[in-house]
Each structure stands twice: as structure tokens, then as C-alpha cells.
Protein backbone atom coordinates (compact mmCIF):
# COMPACT_ATOMS: atom_id res chain seq x y z
CA MET A 1 0.02 -0.20 0.09
CA SER A 2 2.95 2.68 1.22
CA GLY A 3 4.38 1.92 -2.69
CA THR A 4 1.01 3.00 -4.01
CA GLN A 5 0.64 6.52 -1.42
CA LEU A 6 1.69 9.78 -2.95
CA LEU A 7 3.03 11.39 0.39
CA SER A 8 4.65 8.41 2.13
CA GLY A 9 7.48 9.68 4.03
CA ARG A 10 6.46 13.51 4.26
CA THR A 11 5.49 15.61 7.24
CA ALA A 12 2.59 18.35 6.84
CA PHE A 13 0.94 21.31 8.86
CA VAL A 14 -2.33 21.84 8.32
CA THR A 15 -3.98 25.47 9.39
CA GLY A 16 -7.73 25.63 9.75
CA GLY A 17 -7.48 22.06 10.43
CA GLY A 18 -11.08 21.85 11.66
CA GLY A 19 -12.14 23.58 9.42
CA ARG A 20 -14.72 22.34 6.37
CA ILE A 21 -12.07 22.18 3.44
CA GLY A 22 -8.70 21.85 6.17
CA LYS A 23 -9.75 19.18 7.75
CA VAL A 24 -11.02 17.17 4.64
CA ILE A 25 -7.38 18.07 3.50
CA GLY A 26 -5.65 16.30 6.62
CA ALA A 27 -7.84 13.32 6.39
CA THR A 28 -6.34 13.46 2.47
CA LEU A 29 -2.44 13.51 2.89
CA LEU A 30 -2.98 11.19 5.68
CA ARG A 31 -4.88 8.21 3.93
CA GLU A 32 -1.67 9.40 1.08
CA GLY A 33 1.40 8.16 4.44
CA ALA A 34 2.01 11.87 5.26
CA LYS A 35 1.98 12.57 8.90
CA VAL A 36 -0.25 15.50 9.65
CA ALA A 37 -0.37 18.29 12.14
CA PHE A 38 -4.34 19.52 12.26
CA ALA A 39 -3.68 23.29 13.23
CA ASP A 40 -6.63 25.40 14.51
CA MET A 41 -7.28 28.68 16.64
CA THR A 42 -8.34 26.58 19.49
CA LEU A 43 -7.32 23.21 20.45
CA ALA A 44 -10.83 22.08 20.77
CA ALA A 45 -11.05 22.92 16.80
CA ALA A 46 -7.95 21.40 15.66
CA GLU A 47 -8.93 18.15 17.84
CA ALA A 48 -11.97 17.99 15.81
CA GLY A 49 -10.40 17.86 13.05
CA ARG A 50 -7.86 15.32 13.88
CA ALA A 51 -10.90 13.20 15.03
CA PHE A 52 -12.45 13.73 11.66
CA ALA A 53 -9.42 12.41 9.57
CA ALA A 54 -7.41 10.01 12.17
CA GLY A 55 -9.43 9.58 15.70
CA SER A 56 -5.90 8.93 17.41
CA ASP A 57 -3.96 7.92 14.99
CA ALA A 58 -0.20 8.78 16.16
CA ASN A 59 1.01 9.84 12.47
CA SER A 60 -1.14 13.13 13.55
CA VAL A 61 -1.29 15.72 16.08
CA ALA A 62 -3.68 18.61 16.59
CA VAL A 63 -1.88 22.30 17.49
CA ALA A 64 -3.62 25.68 18.45
CA GLY A 65 -2.36 29.06 18.08
CA ASN A 66 -3.02 32.56 16.31
CA VAL A 67 -1.65 32.41 13.08
CA MET A 68 -2.29 36.83 13.17
CA ASP A 69 0.94 36.72 15.83
CA GLU A 70 4.53 35.65 15.81
CA VAL A 71 4.90 33.65 18.81
CA GLY A 72 1.28 31.95 17.68
CA VAL A 73 3.28 30.11 15.09
CA ASP A 74 6.63 29.85 16.83
CA THR A 75 4.31 27.43 19.45
CA MET A 76 2.43 25.70 16.91
CA PHE A 77 5.33 24.76 14.95
CA GLU A 78 7.44 23.55 18.30
CA ALA A 79 4.51 21.54 19.36
CA ALA A 80 4.23 20.01 15.80
CA GLU A 81 8.00 19.67 15.74
CA LYS A 82 8.32 17.90 18.87
CA THR A 83 5.55 15.06 18.31
CA LEU A 84 6.02 14.42 14.07
CA GLY A 85 9.52 16.27 12.98
CA LEU A 86 10.17 19.34 11.47
CA PRO A 87 7.23 19.88 8.60
CA ASP A 88 8.54 19.39 5.35
CA LEU A 89 4.61 20.51 3.78
CA LEU A 90 2.55 23.45 4.96
CA VAL A 91 -1.19 23.67 3.79
CA THR A 92 -2.55 27.63 4.14
CA ALA A 93 -6.09 26.42 4.41
CA HIS A 94 -7.42 28.97 7.11
CA GLY A 95 -9.23 32.33 6.31
CA ILE A 96 -12.59 34.43 6.90
CA TYR A 97 -14.97 35.34 4.65
CA PRO A 98 -16.74 38.45 5.25
CA ASN A 99 -19.00 39.91 3.38
CA LEU A 100 -19.98 44.02 3.25
CA PRO A 101 -20.16 46.49 1.30
CA LEU A 102 -17.08 48.94 1.66
CA VAL A 103 -19.30 51.94 2.75
CA ASP A 104 -20.74 50.48 5.49
CA MET A 105 -17.02 48.17 6.43
CA THR A 106 -14.87 49.92 9.73
CA ALA A 107 -11.04 50.02 9.38
CA GLU A 108 -10.74 47.20 11.88
CA GLU A 109 -12.88 44.72 9.63
CA TRP A 110 -10.41 45.50 6.46
CA ASP A 111 -6.82 45.07 8.85
CA ARG A 112 -8.55 42.27 10.64
CA THR A 113 -8.95 39.90 6.95
CA PHE A 114 -5.78 40.74 5.90
CA ALA A 115 -4.03 40.04 9.28
CA ILE A 116 -6.07 36.51 8.91
CA ASN A 117 -5.75 35.72 5.36
CA VAL A 118 -1.91 37.08 4.53
CA ARG A 119 -0.20 38.43 7.18
CA GLY A 120 -0.33 34.79 8.82
CA PRO A 121 0.13 32.59 5.94
CA MET A 122 3.16 35.34 5.63
CA PHE A 123 4.35 33.96 8.83
CA LEU A 124 3.76 30.45 8.85
CA SER A 125 5.53 30.67 5.60
CA ARG A 126 8.52 32.64 6.62
CA TRP A 127 9.14 29.93 9.36
CA LEU A 128 9.38 26.91 7.81
CA ALA A 129 11.12 28.33 4.41
CA ARG A 130 14.14 29.83 6.81
CA ARG A 131 14.26 26.62 8.59
CA TRP A 132 14.48 24.70 5.37
CA ILE A 133 16.81 26.58 3.46
CA ALA A 134 18.86 26.45 6.85
CA GLU A 135 18.82 22.75 7.00
CA GLY A 136 18.22 22.08 3.33
CA VAL A 137 15.28 21.06 3.29
CA LYS A 138 13.33 20.93 -0.38
CA GLY A 139 9.98 21.44 1.16
CA GLY A 140 6.31 22.26 -0.08
CA ILE A 141 3.70 25.38 0.21
CA VAL A 142 0.24 24.82 -0.70
CA ASN A 143 -1.89 28.07 0.11
CA ILE A 144 -5.65 27.94 -0.28
CA THR A 145 -6.78 30.91 -1.75
CA SER A 146 -10.21 31.84 -3.38
CA GLY A 147 -11.67 32.40 -6.84
CA ALA A 148 -12.59 35.73 -5.44
CA GLY A 149 -8.81 36.40 -5.83
CA ARG A 150 -9.58 36.73 -9.24
CA SER A 151 -13.65 37.61 -9.70
CA ALA A 152 -15.38 40.26 -8.30
CA ARG A 153 -17.74 40.49 -6.20
CA ALA A 154 -20.07 42.86 -3.92
CA GLY A 155 -19.40 42.89 -0.63
CA SER A 156 -15.94 41.36 -0.95
CA SER A 157 -13.45 44.25 -0.92
CA HIS A 158 -11.10 43.06 1.81
CA TYR A 159 -11.43 39.18 1.54
CA ALA A 160 -11.20 38.96 -2.08
CA SER A 161 -8.23 41.59 -2.12
CA SER A 162 -6.77 39.11 0.59
CA LYS A 163 -6.73 36.03 -1.79
CA ALA A 164 -5.49 38.22 -4.93
CA ALA A 165 -2.38 39.34 -2.14
CA MET A 166 -2.22 35.86 -1.97
CA ASN A 167 -2.26 34.83 -5.43
CA MET A 168 0.93 37.01 -5.36
CA VAL A 169 2.33 36.24 -2.51
CA THR A 170 2.14 32.15 -4.12
CA GLU A 171 3.92 33.40 -7.07
CA VAL A 172 6.82 35.73 -5.10
CA LEU A 173 7.70 33.20 -2.76
CA ALA A 174 7.93 30.59 -6.03
CA ILE A 175 11.15 32.90 -7.64
CA GLU A 176 12.30 33.60 -4.07
CA LEU A 177 12.90 29.87 -3.03
CA GLY A 178 12.89 27.60 -5.97
CA PRO A 179 16.82 28.24 -5.77
CA HIS A 180 16.14 26.21 -2.36
CA GLY A 181 14.23 23.38 -3.96
CA ILE A 182 11.08 24.89 -2.39
CA ARG A 183 8.05 24.71 -4.77
CA VAL A 184 5.03 27.18 -3.94
CA ASN A 185 1.93 26.73 -5.19
CA ALA A 186 -1.74 27.56 -4.62
CA VAL A 187 -5.45 26.10 -5.05
CA ALA A 188 -8.45 28.82 -5.49
CA PRO A 189 -11.91 26.83 -5.11
CA GLY A 190 -14.61 27.59 -6.46
CA LEU A 191 -18.31 27.53 -4.32
CA ILE A 192 -17.59 24.53 -1.40
CA LEU A 193 -20.38 23.04 0.42
CA ASP A 194 -19.99 20.42 2.84
CA ASP A 195 -22.63 18.33 0.80
CA VAL A 196 -22.34 18.87 -2.95
CA ILE A 197 -25.88 20.21 -4.57
CA SER A 198 -26.45 19.95 -8.14
CA GLU A 199 -29.88 21.05 -8.51
CA GLU A 200 -31.36 24.61 -7.96
CA SER A 201 -33.94 24.75 -5.50
CA THR A 202 -36.52 27.40 -3.76
CA GLY A 203 -35.02 26.12 -0.65
CA LEU A 204 -31.37 27.17 -1.10
CA HIS A 205 -29.48 30.62 -0.58
CA GLY A 206 -30.19 32.61 -3.60
CA TYR A 207 -26.72 33.12 -4.69
CA VAL A 208 -26.20 29.25 -4.45
CA ASN A 209 -28.87 29.15 -6.97
CA ASP A 210 -26.64 31.74 -8.72
CA MET A 211 -23.42 29.75 -8.56
CA ILE A 212 -24.71 26.43 -9.88
CA ARG A 213 -26.16 27.88 -13.06
CA ALA A 214 -22.70 30.00 -13.70
CA THR A 215 -21.15 26.45 -13.11
CA PRO A 216 -20.68 24.58 -16.19
CA MET A 217 -19.96 21.59 -14.16
CA ARG A 218 -23.40 22.15 -12.79
CA ARG A 219 -22.86 21.46 -8.99
CA THR A 220 -21.16 23.23 -6.19
CA GLY A 221 -17.70 21.78 -5.06
CA ALA A 222 -16.88 19.15 -2.35
CA PRO A 223 -13.79 19.79 0.38
CA SER A 224 -12.78 16.38 -1.35
CA ASP A 225 -12.57 18.30 -4.86
CA ILE A 226 -9.69 20.56 -3.26
CA ALA A 227 -8.13 18.07 -0.63
CA GLU A 228 -7.22 16.24 -4.09
CA ALA A 229 -5.71 18.96 -5.61
CA VAL A 230 -3.69 20.05 -2.78
CA ALA A 231 -1.93 16.26 -2.70
CA PHE A 232 -1.33 16.68 -5.96
CA LEU A 233 0.69 19.73 -5.75
CA ALA A 234 2.57 18.63 -2.57
CA SER A 235 3.48 15.30 -3.92
CA GLU A 236 6.29 14.59 -6.61
CA ARG A 237 3.53 14.37 -9.20
CA SER A 238 4.00 17.65 -9.69
CA LEU A 239 7.90 18.04 -8.85
CA TRP A 240 8.32 21.30 -11.65
CA THR A 241 4.75 23.00 -10.78
CA THR A 242 5.70 25.73 -9.02
CA GLY A 243 4.26 29.02 -9.26
CA ALA A 244 1.09 27.84 -10.29
CA VAL A 245 -2.63 28.76 -9.22
CA LEU A 246 -4.61 25.58 -9.65
CA GLU A 247 -8.81 26.75 -10.16
CA ILE A 248 -10.59 24.50 -8.46
CA THR A 249 -14.11 25.88 -9.26
CA GLY A 250 -16.21 23.30 -11.42
CA GLY A 251 -15.38 25.72 -14.46
CA SER A 252 -17.32 28.98 -13.05
CA HIS A 253 -14.24 31.12 -13.63
CA CYS A 254 -14.44 30.72 -17.16
CA GLY A 255 -16.91 33.35 -17.42
CA ARG A 256 -20.55 33.48 -17.80
CA PRO A 257 -22.25 30.16 -18.54
CA HIS A 258 -25.62 31.44 -17.80
CA VAL A 259 -25.82 33.59 -20.67
CA PRO A 260 -28.56 32.87 -23.30
CA LEU A 261 -27.63 31.42 -26.84
CA THR A 262 -29.11 33.45 -29.91
CA ARG A 263 -27.36 34.65 -33.38
CA ASP A 264 -30.03 37.63 -32.78
CA LEU A 265 -27.33 40.29 -31.19
CA LYS A 266 -30.64 42.91 -30.76
């Protein structure tokens, strides 16, 4: 079995490890042979992600800390390294998704979005990159960004901008760390729900119905859709892939598939 696993011998650190996408990423990386640290703001959330993925699996650990704080990042990595060894994979799957018009937004709401969604991944990436360079580790980073980073929508000036920033951080770090053998990529999800929805319904939020109509595959995404892409980008099957932002959206990033077709252009 180990011969078919993509990530045998690797150690991953997954932030947002108790969240909708993060816990499934952690479970998928474990399935592929990696040891996994599930990291979240609270130990209860991290433990919930670990329990979902692995129960008491000795190849996993739950750690807690604040990604907005350098000391919190230090604490999480030190706890993970003590149990599993130095991670050689980082997946930044944490984040917040506020939705508010700019005219109603406070400076604090803007700053908090960037602190969590951009400064947090920066602290995490910097901590590991310094260790990897010093110790000659050819590590890998996969940032979970968003289709919003390349597609504007009302109410998301802070969120969409933070994800656009992370797309650019991904590309810059790919340039800076590539000479050290460190790869940096991103996965940009479309609309991900716990359960896949493929039919419009009056019982759904209007945004979900709009997204189903706007998605060529005519369904919402599942956390596993994102997790499988992460496993690929983290593995040796993508050794010449760095600086990529992989759109996993069911095609919703391509344009407007719900526009009616006609030869009448009036």
C-alpha cells in the first residue's frame, strides 16, 4: 500500500485543520501516507479536525495558536515538530470570509481580514522557509486562496483583495524559494459546501442557485475536490510545478455559461 501513496515519508502542517476544507485536506494527506499536524485557533477545533480525519492516529497531532501572532506561530510549529518532526509541507487552509460593502466597513474589519488571510500565511511560510533553507529541506507550500482572488463580487473588497494578495504571494515565493528546491503553489476553490448540490431549489440561498447556474459542471464543489488537488501539488507528481494557482471551480472562473444563446444580437 505504501508504494502507491503520494506522500509517504512526508510531514504536513495544515492550518484551518478543523474547518470544512482543512479537515478533509488533513484526512487526504494522511491517506496518502503523510504525517499531519492539524492546526487551528483553538485546540478543540484542531482536535475536532484530527478526530474527523484520524481519531487517535499516531501519525497526527492537534496544535493550536494564532496565525496573526509570531509567537503563536512559533508555538504551533514547535508543538508539531516535537511530536512529528519538522514539517516539510505547509497547507494554509485557514481564513475568514466576511461579506460587507466598503461603505459600511470599518478599518478594523478590513485589517482583520488581511491579518488572518495574508499576514498569517506570511508568518507561517517565513518560519518554515527559514528552517528549510538552513537545513536543506526541499519543502512545499500550498496556499488555499479563492476564485474571488480573480473575480470581483459585491461585498468582498477586503476578502477578494486578500485572496488576490495570496495569489501574488504564492508567485513571489515561488521565485524566491525555487532556487532552494522549495515549491510554492495555490489552489483557488469555487463555491465549496459540506454536501454537493447539483440542482437549484427554492430552499437554497439565492447565491447558491446563482453559482450553480454560473458553473459549467452545474454543481457546487466538495472539500474533497480541493483536497485531491492539494495532494497532487504537494507530491512528487508535480515536481516541476511552482507558482501555479490551480482553479478548482467546476469551471465557474471561465466566464458566464448562463448567458442565453441566440443569433439575434439586438
